[in-house]
Amino acid sequence: MTTKNKNLKSLDQFVNEKFGEKGTDKRERFEADYDAFKLGVLIQQARVQKGLTQEQLAELAGTNKSYISKLERNLKDIRFSTLQRIINDGLGGHLDIAIRL
């Protein structure tokens, strides 16, 4: 027999309580920060999958190791043209972009 924990919340419930409903300023800031965090993680995962160090990726993309490190840790904003170079030249990939409304 299993019992449900009445204090257990879904991720959506937790985010709503912590950052507010979608459309509020606090929630919008959270969503934007989360998207930037995801981008850094995706770059790091792709780099590791390719077997590249941060320094090697930086050299291929025409930037420096410090910049790649900061991107992966979500400490730096990225220009679109630099992101394209990292994906195309550094990782040998293709950047797909979607807009969801």
Protein backbone atom coordinates (compact mmCIF):
# COMPACT_ATOMS: atom_id res chain seq x y z
CA MET A 1 0.00 0.00 0.00
CA THR A 2 1.32 3.43 -0.94
CA THR A 3 0.39 6.70 0.65
CA LYS A 4 0.63 10.10 -0.93
CA ASN A 5 2.62 12.82 0.74
CA LYS A 6 0.18 15.71 1.08
CA ASN A 7 3.09 18.18 1.25
CA LEU A 8 4.49 17.05 -2.09
CA LYS A 9 4.10 19.62 -4.86
CA SER A 10 4.52 19.48 -8.60
CA LEU A 11 7.28 21.55 -10.17
CA ASP A 12 4.67 23.90 -11.63
CA GLN A 13 3.10 24.41 -8.20
CA PHE A 14 6.48 25.08 -6.62
CA VAL A 15 7.51 27.59 -9.31
CA ASN A 16 4.13 29.35 -9.09
CA GLU A 17 4.45 29.69 -5.33
CA LYS A 18 8.10 30.75 -5.38
CA PHE A 19 8.09 33.07 -8.44
CA GLY A 20 4.44 33.87 -9.11
CA GLU A 21 2.09 33.03 -11.92
CA LYS A 22 3.15 33.29 -15.56
CA GLY A 23 3.02 36.88 -16.75
CA THR A 24 4.18 38.46 -13.49
CA ASP A 25 7.47 40.38 -13.48
CA LYS A 26 9.14 38.06 -10.97
CA ARG A 27 8.14 34.97 -12.97
CA GLU A 28 9.31 36.51 -16.25
CA ARG A 29 12.74 37.23 -14.72
CA PHE A 30 12.92 33.66 -13.45
CA GLU A 31 12.01 32.26 -16.87
CA ALA A 32 14.63 34.41 -18.62
CA ASP A 33 17.33 33.40 -16.14
CA TYR A 34 16.38 29.76 -16.50
CA ASP A 35 16.62 29.95 -20.30
CA ALA A 36 20.12 31.43 -20.00
CA PHE A 37 21.08 28.68 -17.56
CA LYS A 38 19.79 26.01 -19.98
CA LEU A 39 21.85 27.49 -22.80
CA GLY A 40 25.01 27.22 -20.73
CA VAL A 41 24.24 23.61 -19.84
CA LEU A 42 23.52 22.74 -23.49
CA ILE A 43 26.84 24.24 -24.60
CA GLN A 44 28.69 22.35 -21.89
CA GLN A 45 26.98 19.05 -22.72
CA ALA A 46 27.71 19.42 -26.43
CA ARG A 47 31.34 20.32 -25.71
CA VAL A 48 31.82 17.28 -23.47
CA GLN A 49 30.06 15.03 -25.99
CA LYS A 50 32.51 16.24 -28.66
CA GLY A 51 35.41 15.52 -26.31
CA LEU A 52 36.57 19.13 -26.27
CA THR A 53 38.03 21.14 -23.43
CA GLN A 54 36.83 24.68 -22.88
CA GLU A 55 40.14 25.89 -24.26
CA GLN A 56 39.79 23.80 -27.43
CA LEU A 57 36.22 24.98 -28.01
CA ALA A 58 37.27 28.58 -27.46
CA GLU A 59 40.09 28.27 -30.00
CA LEU A 60 37.78 26.74 -32.61
CA ALA A 61 35.14 29.44 -32.01
CA GLY A 62 37.59 32.36 -31.97
CA THR A 63 37.11 33.30 -28.33
CA ASN A 64 38.85 32.44 -25.07
CA LYS A 65 38.53 29.78 -22.36
CA SER A 66 37.34 32.31 -19.78
CA TYR A 67 34.42 33.32 -22.02
CA ILE A 68 33.35 29.68 -22.55
CA SER A 69 33.63 29.01 -18.81
CA LYS A 70 31.47 32.03 -17.99
CA LEU A 71 28.85 30.98 -20.54
CA GLU A 72 28.67 27.47 -19.15
CA ARG A 73 28.22 28.86 -15.63
CA ASN A 74 25.64 31.45 -16.75
CA LEU A 75 27.83 34.36 -15.72
CA LYS A 76 27.96 36.10 -19.09
CA ASP A 77 25.43 37.21 -21.68
CA ILE A 78 26.13 35.99 -25.18
CA ARG A 79 25.85 37.78 -28.49
CA PHE A 80 23.97 35.88 -31.15
CA SER A 81 26.89 36.01 -33.58
CA THR A 82 29.20 34.53 -30.93
CA LEU A 83 26.68 31.80 -30.16
CA GLN A 84 26.57 30.93 -33.85
CA ARG A 85 30.38 30.69 -33.99
CA ILE A 86 30.47 28.47 -30.92
CA ILE A 87 27.81 26.14 -32.32
CA ASN A 88 28.89 26.14 -35.98
CA ASP A 89 32.67 26.53 -35.87
CA GLY A 90 33.44 25.24 -32.40
CA LEU A 91 31.04 22.32 -32.11
CA GLY A 92 30.43 21.63 -35.79
CA GLY A 93 26.71 21.83 -35.16
CA HIS A 94 23.74 23.82 -36.37
CA LEU A 95 21.75 26.26 -34.26
CA ASP A 96 17.97 25.87 -34.47
CA ILE A 97 15.80 28.63 -33.07
CA ALA A 98 12.10 28.52 -32.29
CA ILE A 99 9.68 31.14 -31.11
CA ARG A 100 6.81 29.89 -28.98
CA LEU A 101 3.90 32.17 -28.26
